[in-house]
Amino acid sequence: MGQFAALDVGSTKVCCLIANAGNNGPIRVIGVGHHAAKGVRGGAIIDMDAAQNAILTAVSAAEQLADVQIRDVVVNVSGANLTSHTYGLEFPISGREINDADMRRALAQCNGIQQDPDREILHSLPVDYSIDSTKGIRHPVGMFAEKLGIDLHIVTARSSTLRNLASCISRCHLEIQIPIAAPYASGLACLVEDEIDLGVTLVDMGGGTTTIAVFYDGEVVHTDSIPVGGQHVTSDIARGLSTSLTHAERMKTLYGTALGSPSDESELIDVPLVGEENNHQPNHVPRSILNGIIRPRIEETMELVR
């Protein structure tokens, strides 16, 4: 397979990985770089120059560590209003044996399914096959049938968001080799084969978006994203405790939880007030107040996911 690079453009950070992959050997990461994201909100580019600088910094760090220069990158798509639909189509076979040409012809016709003009297809994945009235066929090639049925899962994203992302990456002298929906990539990275077969919903909470992927019977059958993430928790803390976003992020990371404990009332947290230059006498609040701000936002996010 050779060498490849992956770029994760998120709302809070930009990450780049460079790896080598042999034909049979394991993938070996040889370079990694990351930088705080600028100019990205909800998975979409809102400031081209700021996003370009963040991407360049992350990519340069990975290239320096790997001692290589990359040109093509695999890029995740987390915002762009991901949508997911499954289409059922049938194709006549006339009782003969299904061959590879039939499969290619059927999939080519599936890929021609008309989509909204303002959306682009990210993935077109066959999730199930059927022969006549028999469903659940894994490999129809070599089987005889009157009709071949295909259930096709199509994942799309908004065209303008994808074009802006591609333009920003192009300004960094890079080309998008493959765009991949973030929840699909997360599932391939995190789930084991039994989970994918039995059925699982994977929820990936990022900084500006929360993405969802549903896997069942060995395939991804649904993907989605909602524009709520960790940055919203940080903003709630900053407003609720009248502190800066930097201090709110630090308190969330060090002390925050959505699950309370009996010691929350007695444990005090230092909260520097916004606008106060003298932090020698910060405000002290019980940890229970911090968790009381975090929990409702997490409950809201989980309700949106449900």
Protein backbone atom coordinates (compact mmCIF):
# COMPACT_ATOMS: atom_id res chain seq x y z
CA MET A 1 0.00 0.00 0.00
CA GLY A 2 2.95 2.31 0.62
CA GLN A 3 2.86 5.63 2.42
CA PHE A 4 -0.24 7.66 3.17
CA ALA A 5 -1.32 10.62 5.30
CA ALA A 6 -4.51 11.38 7.22
CA LEU A 7 -5.71 14.86 8.13
CA ASP A 8 -8.35 15.54 10.79
CA VAL A 9 -9.66 19.12 10.58
CA GLY A 10 -11.74 19.57 13.72
CA SER A 11 -13.34 22.50 15.48
CA THR A 12 -10.82 22.50 18.34
CA LYS A 13 -7.70 20.90 16.86
CA VAL A 14 -6.10 19.87 13.59
CA CYS A 15 -4.22 16.55 13.53
CA CYS A 16 -2.04 14.97 10.85
CA LEU A 17 -0.72 11.40 10.77
CA ILE A 18 1.77 9.97 8.29
CA ALA A 19 2.11 6.20 8.13
CA ASN A 20 3.72 3.38 6.20
CA ALA A 21 1.72 0.27 5.34
CA GLY A 22 3.22 -2.86 3.86
CA ASN A 23 1.32 -5.41 1.83
CA ASN A 24 0.93 -7.80 4.74
CA GLY A 25 2.52 -6.00 7.68
CA PRO A 26 0.90 -3.67 10.20
CA ILE A 27 0.48 0.05 9.67
CA ARG A 28 3.37 1.99 11.23
CA VAL A 29 2.92 5.67 12.12
CA ILE A 30 6.09 7.59 11.31
CA GLY A 31 4.92 11.20 11.80
CA VAL A 32 2.33 13.06 13.84
CA GLY A 33 1.48 16.73 14.18
CA HIS A 34 -1.32 18.68 15.81
CA HIS A 35 -2.27 22.29 16.38
CA ALA A 36 -5.14 24.20 17.92
CA ALA A 37 -7.81 24.76 15.28
CA LYS A 38 -8.50 28.27 14.08
CA GLY A 39 -11.10 29.33 11.55
CA VAL A 40 -13.21 26.17 11.94
CA ARG A 41 -16.64 26.01 13.55
CA GLY A 42 -18.99 23.05 13.60
CA GLY A 43 -16.68 21.14 11.26
CA ALA A 44 -16.90 23.87 8.58
CA ILE A 45 -14.34 26.45 7.45
CA ILE A 46 -15.32 29.98 8.54
CA ASP A 47 -11.91 31.73 8.18
CA MET A 48 -9.82 30.47 5.26
CA ASP A 49 -6.52 32.10 6.30
CA ALA A 50 -6.71 31.00 9.95
CA ALA A 51 -7.64 27.43 9.00
CA GLN A 52 -4.85 27.33 6.42
CA ASN A 53 -2.25 28.34 9.01
CA ALA A 54 -3.46 25.70 11.48
CA ILE A 55 -3.39 22.96 8.83
CA LEU A 56 0.06 23.99 7.61
CA THR A 57 1.45 23.93 11.14
CA ALA A 58 0.08 20.46 11.89
CA VAL A 59 1.18 19.01 8.54
CA SER A 60 4.65 20.56 8.77
CA ALA A 61 5.19 19.06 12.23
CA ALA A 62 4.21 15.59 10.96
CA GLU A 63 6.42 15.95 7.86
CA GLN A 64 9.39 17.03 9.95
CA LEU A 65 9.02 14.07 12.29
CA ALA A 66 8.59 11.59 9.42
CA ASP A 67 11.27 13.28 7.29
CA VAL A 68 9.02 13.13 4.23
CA GLN A 69 6.92 15.55 2.21
CA ILE A 70 3.31 14.60 1.57
CA ARG A 71 1.04 15.60 -1.28
CA ASP A 72 -2.19 13.63 -0.88
CA VAL A 73 -4.21 13.30 2.32
CA VAL A 74 -7.24 11.36 3.52
CA VAL A 75 -9.54 13.94 5.12
CA ASN A 76 -12.42 13.44 7.53
CA VAL A 77 -15.74 15.25 7.11
CA SER A 78 -17.57 15.83 10.40
CA GLY A 79 -19.79 18.83 9.72
CA ALA A 80 -21.34 19.63 6.34
CA ASN A 81 -24.73 18.34 7.53
CA LEU A 82 -24.08 14.67 6.87
CA THR A 83 -27.14 12.80 5.66
CA SER A 84 -27.66 9.09 5.30
CA HIS A 85 -30.16 7.17 3.16
CA THR A 86 -30.56 3.52 2.19
CA TYR A 87 -32.02 2.69 -1.23
CA GLY A 88 -33.36 -0.70 -2.31
CA LEU A 89 -32.89 -1.56 -6.00
CA GLU A 90 -33.50 -4.68 -8.10
CA PHE A 91 -31.86 -5.82 -11.33
CA PRO A 92 -33.02 -8.62 -13.71
CA ILE A 93 -30.68 -11.62 -14.05
CA SER A 94 -33.05 -13.96 -15.99
CA GLY A 95 -32.19 -17.13 -14.10
CA ARG A 96 -28.51 -17.31 -15.02
CA GLU A 97 -25.43 -17.25 -12.81
CA ILE A 98 -24.47 -13.87 -11.32
CA ASN A 99 -20.97 -12.81 -12.34
CA ASP A 100 -18.62 -9.93 -11.56
CA ALA A 101 -19.84 -7.96 -14.58
CA ASP A 102 -23.39 -8.06 -13.19
CA MET A 103 -22.17 -6.72 -9.87
CA ARG A 104 -20.21 -3.90 -11.50
CA ARG A 105 -23.18 -2.97 -13.70
CA ALA A 106 -25.60 -2.99 -10.77
CA LEU A 107 -23.32 -0.88 -8.57
CA ALA A 108 -22.74 1.57 -11.44
CA GLN A 109 -26.49 2.07 -11.78
CA CYS A 110 -26.79 2.48 -8.00
CA ASN A 111 -24.16 5.21 -8.07
CA GLY A 112 -26.32 7.10 -10.57
CA ILE A 113 -29.09 7.67 -8.02
CA GLN A 114 -30.12 11.31 -8.27
CA GLN A 115 -29.16 13.43 -5.26
CA ASP A 116 -29.92 17.04 -4.35
CA PRO A 117 -27.81 19.39 -6.50
CA ASP A 118 -26.33 21.06 -3.41
CA ARG A 119 -25.02 17.76 -1.98
CA GLU A 120 -22.16 15.43 -2.90
CA ILE A 121 -21.83 11.69 -2.29
CA LEU A 122 -19.12 10.73 0.21
CA HIS A 123 -19.82 7.00 0.36
CA SER A 124 -21.90 4.56 -1.64
CA LEU A 125 -21.86 1.29 0.30
CA PRO A 126 -23.80 -1.92 -0.45
CA VAL A 127 -25.07 -3.14 2.93
CA ASP A 128 -27.20 -6.11 1.88
CA TYR A 129 -27.97 -8.29 -1.13
CA SER A 130 -31.01 -10.38 -1.93
CA ILE A 131 -31.71 -13.05 -4.54
CA ASP A 132 -35.37 -13.23 -5.56
CA SER A 133 -37.12 -13.47 -2.17
CA THR A 134 -34.06 -14.53 -0.17
CA LYS A 135 -32.46 -11.73 1.86
CA GLY A 136 -29.20 -11.60 3.78
CA ILE A 137 -26.97 -12.78 0.93
CA ARG A 138 -23.34 -11.88 1.60
CA HIS A 139 -21.67 -12.80 -1.72
CA PRO A 140 -24.12 -13.25 -4.62
CA VAL A 141 -21.45 -13.90 -7.27
CA GLY A 142 -21.78 -17.47 -8.54
CA MET A 143 -25.42 -17.87 -7.47
CA PHE A 144 -28.42 -18.25 -9.81
CA ALA A 145 -31.33 -15.81 -9.66
CA GLU A 146 -34.14 -14.17 -11.56
CA LYS A 147 -33.55 -10.82 -9.80
CA LEU A 148 -30.65 -9.38 -7.84
CA GLY A 149 -31.54 -6.91 -5.08
CA ILE A 150 -29.12 -4.44 -3.51
CA ASP A 151 -29.61 -2.25 -0.44
CA LEU A 152 -27.28 0.72 -0.94
CA HIS A 153 -26.31 3.07 1.88
CA ILE A 154 -25.43 6.53 0.54
CA VAL A 155 -23.78 9.19 2.72
CA THR A 156 -23.83 12.76 1.41
CA ALA A 157 -22.53 16.13 2.58
CA ARG A 158 -23.19 19.72 1.61
CA SER A 159 -21.25 20.64 -1.55
CA SER A 160 -20.28 24.16 -0.49
CA THR A 161 -18.73 22.96 2.77
CA LEU A 162 -16.74 20.28 0.95
CA ARG A 163 -15.53 22.77 -1.67
CA ASN A 164 -14.40 25.21 1.01
CA LEU A 165 -12.51 22.42 2.79
CA ALA A 166 -10.90 21.31 -0.47
CA SER A 167 -9.95 24.89 -1.32
CA CYS A 168 -8.35 25.44 2.08
CA ILE A 169 -6.35 22.20 1.81
CA SER A 170 -5.34 23.10 -1.75
CA ARG A 171 -3.93 26.41 -0.48
CA CYS A 172 -1.70 24.28 1.75
CA HIS A 173 -0.32 22.60 -1.43
CA LEU A 174 -2.18 19.38 -0.63
CA GLU A 175 -4.80 17.36 -2.49
CA ILE A 176 -7.68 15.39 -0.98
CA GLN A 177 -7.07 11.74 -1.86
CA ILE A 178 -10.22 10.45 -0.14
CA PRO A 179 -12.87 12.32 1.89
CA ILE A 180 -14.39 10.11 4.57
CA ALA A 181 -17.32 10.72 6.90
CA ALA A 182 -15.94 11.13 10.42
CA PRO A 183 -18.41 8.76 12.15
CA TYR A 184 -17.67 6.02 9.60
CA ALA A 185 -13.92 6.44 10.17
CA SER A 186 -14.41 6.39 13.94
CA GLY A 187 -16.32 3.12 13.70
CA LEU A 188 -13.66 1.47 11.55
CA ALA A 189 -10.99 2.59 14.02
CA CYS A 190 -12.70 1.78 17.33
CA LEU A 191 -15.11 -1.11 16.88
CA VAL A 192 -14.32 -4.81 16.90
CA GLU A 193 -15.88 -7.27 14.47
CA ASP A 194 -18.39 -8.66 16.98
CA GLU A 195 -19.73 -5.17 17.76
CA ILE A 196 -20.22 -4.40 14.08
CA ASP A 197 -22.00 -7.72 13.52
CA LEU A 198 -24.27 -7.60 16.58
CA GLY A 199 -25.16 -3.93 16.18
CA VAL A 200 -23.80 -0.83 17.85
CA THR A 201 -24.28 2.94 17.80
CA LEU A 202 -21.00 4.83 18.01
CA VAL A 203 -21.17 8.41 19.33
CA ASP A 204 -18.08 10.57 18.77
CA MET A 205 -18.25 13.84 20.73
CA GLY A 206 -15.92 16.42 19.23
CA GLY A 207 -15.38 20.07 19.96
CA GLY A 208 -18.03 21.55 17.66
CA THR A 209 -20.00 18.52 16.46
CA THR A 210 -21.15 15.14 17.71
CA THR A 211 -21.21 12.46 15.04
CA ILE A 212 -23.15 9.19 15.08
CA ALA A 213 -22.68 5.93 13.19
CA VAL A 214 -24.91 2.87 13.43
CA PHE A 215 -23.35 -0.47 12.49
CA TYR A 216 -25.32 -3.69 12.07
CA ASP A 217 -24.71 -7.07 10.50
CA GLY A 218 -21.18 -6.14 9.50
CA GLU A 219 -22.00 -2.84 7.76
CA VAL A 220 -22.59 0.82 8.55
CA VAL A 221 -26.32 1.43 8.06
CA HIS A 222 -26.74 5.03 9.27
CA THR A 223 -24.60 8.14 9.84
CA ASP A 224 -25.49 11.56 11.17
CA SER A 225 -24.08 14.62 12.94
CA ILE A 226 -25.44 17.25 15.30
CA PRO A 227 -23.89 20.72 15.78
CA VAL A 228 -23.23 20.34 19.52
CA GLY A 229 -19.93 19.39 21.14
CA GLY A 230 -17.43 20.02 23.89
CA GLN A 231 -17.07 23.70 23.05
CA HIS A 232 -20.69 24.23 24.06
CA VAL A 233 -19.96 22.73 27.49
CA THR A 234 -17.00 25.08 27.86
CA SER A 235 -19.12 28.07 26.85
CA ASP A 236 -21.81 27.11 29.39
CA ILE A 237 -19.19 26.96 32.15
CA ALA A 238 -17.70 30.31 31.16
CA ARG A 239 -21.12 31.98 31.26
CA GLY A 240 -22.35 30.20 34.36
CA LEU A 241 -19.25 30.93 36.46
CA SER A 242 -18.34 34.32 34.88
CA THR A 243 -14.88 33.18 33.88
CA SER A 244 -12.87 33.15 30.67
CA LEU A 245 -13.13 30.39 28.07
CA THR A 246 -9.53 29.35 28.80
CA HIS A 247 -10.20 28.86 32.50
CA ALA A 248 -13.54 27.20 31.73
CA GLU A 249 -11.80 24.65 29.47
CA ARG A 250 -9.20 23.98 32.18
CA MET A 251 -11.86 23.41 34.86
CA LYS A 252 -13.85 21.15 32.56
CA THR A 253 -10.78 19.06 31.81
CA LEU A 254 -9.46 18.80 35.38
CA TYR A 255 -12.63 18.69 37.49
CA GLY A 256 -15.67 18.31 35.25
CA THR A 257 -17.94 15.28 35.17
CA ALA A 258 -21.55 14.54 34.35
CA LEU A 259 -21.75 11.99 37.18
CA GLY A 260 -21.92 13.54 40.65
CA SER A 261 -20.30 12.19 43.83
CA PRO A 262 -20.92 12.85 47.57
CA SER A 263 -17.71 14.88 47.84
CA ASP A 264 -18.76 17.45 45.21
CA GLU A 265 -20.31 19.79 47.79
CA SER A 266 -17.21 19.94 49.99
CA GLU A 267 -14.58 20.13 47.21
CA LEU A 268 -13.91 23.77 46.25
CA ILE A 269 -12.59 24.94 42.87
CA ASP A 270 -10.75 28.19 42.18
CA VAL A 271 -12.61 30.23 39.56
CA PRO A 272 -10.77 33.33 38.25
CA LEU A 273 -13.45 35.87 37.36
CA VAL A 274 -13.50 37.28 33.84
CA GLY A 275 -11.87 40.70 33.61
CA GLU A 276 -10.04 40.35 36.93
CA GLU A 277 -6.31 40.85 36.53
CA ASN A 278 -5.51 39.98 40.15
CA ASN A 279 -6.01 36.24 40.49
CA HIS A 280 -4.44 35.97 43.95
CA GLN A 281 -7.91 35.86 45.49
CA PRO A 282 -10.07 33.94 43.01
CA ASN A 283 -13.67 33.03 43.58
CA HIS A 284 -14.25 29.63 45.19
CA VAL A 285 -17.22 27.47 44.19
CA PRO A 286 -18.16 23.88 45.06
CA ARG A 287 -17.44 21.29 42.42
CA SER A 288 -21.16 20.45 42.43
CA ILE A 289 -21.93 23.79 40.74
CA LEU A 290 -19.49 23.01 37.92
CA ASN A 291 -20.99 19.56 37.42
CA GLY A 292 -24.48 21.05 37.62
CA ILE A 293 -23.61 23.13 34.55
CA ILE A 294 -22.05 20.25 32.61
CA ARG A 295 -24.72 17.61 33.19
CA PRO A 296 -27.69 19.39 31.52
CA ARG A 297 -25.68 20.05 28.35
CA ILE A 298 -24.55 16.41 28.16
CA GLU A 299 -28.14 15.26 28.76
CA GLU A 300 -29.32 17.55 25.95
CA THR A 301 -26.64 16.19 23.61
CA MET A 302 -27.56 12.58 24.41
CA GLU A 303 -31.24 13.40 23.84
CA LEU A 304 -30.41 14.82 20.42
CA VAL A 305 -28.40 11.67 19.66
CA ARG A 306 -31.32 9.49 20.76
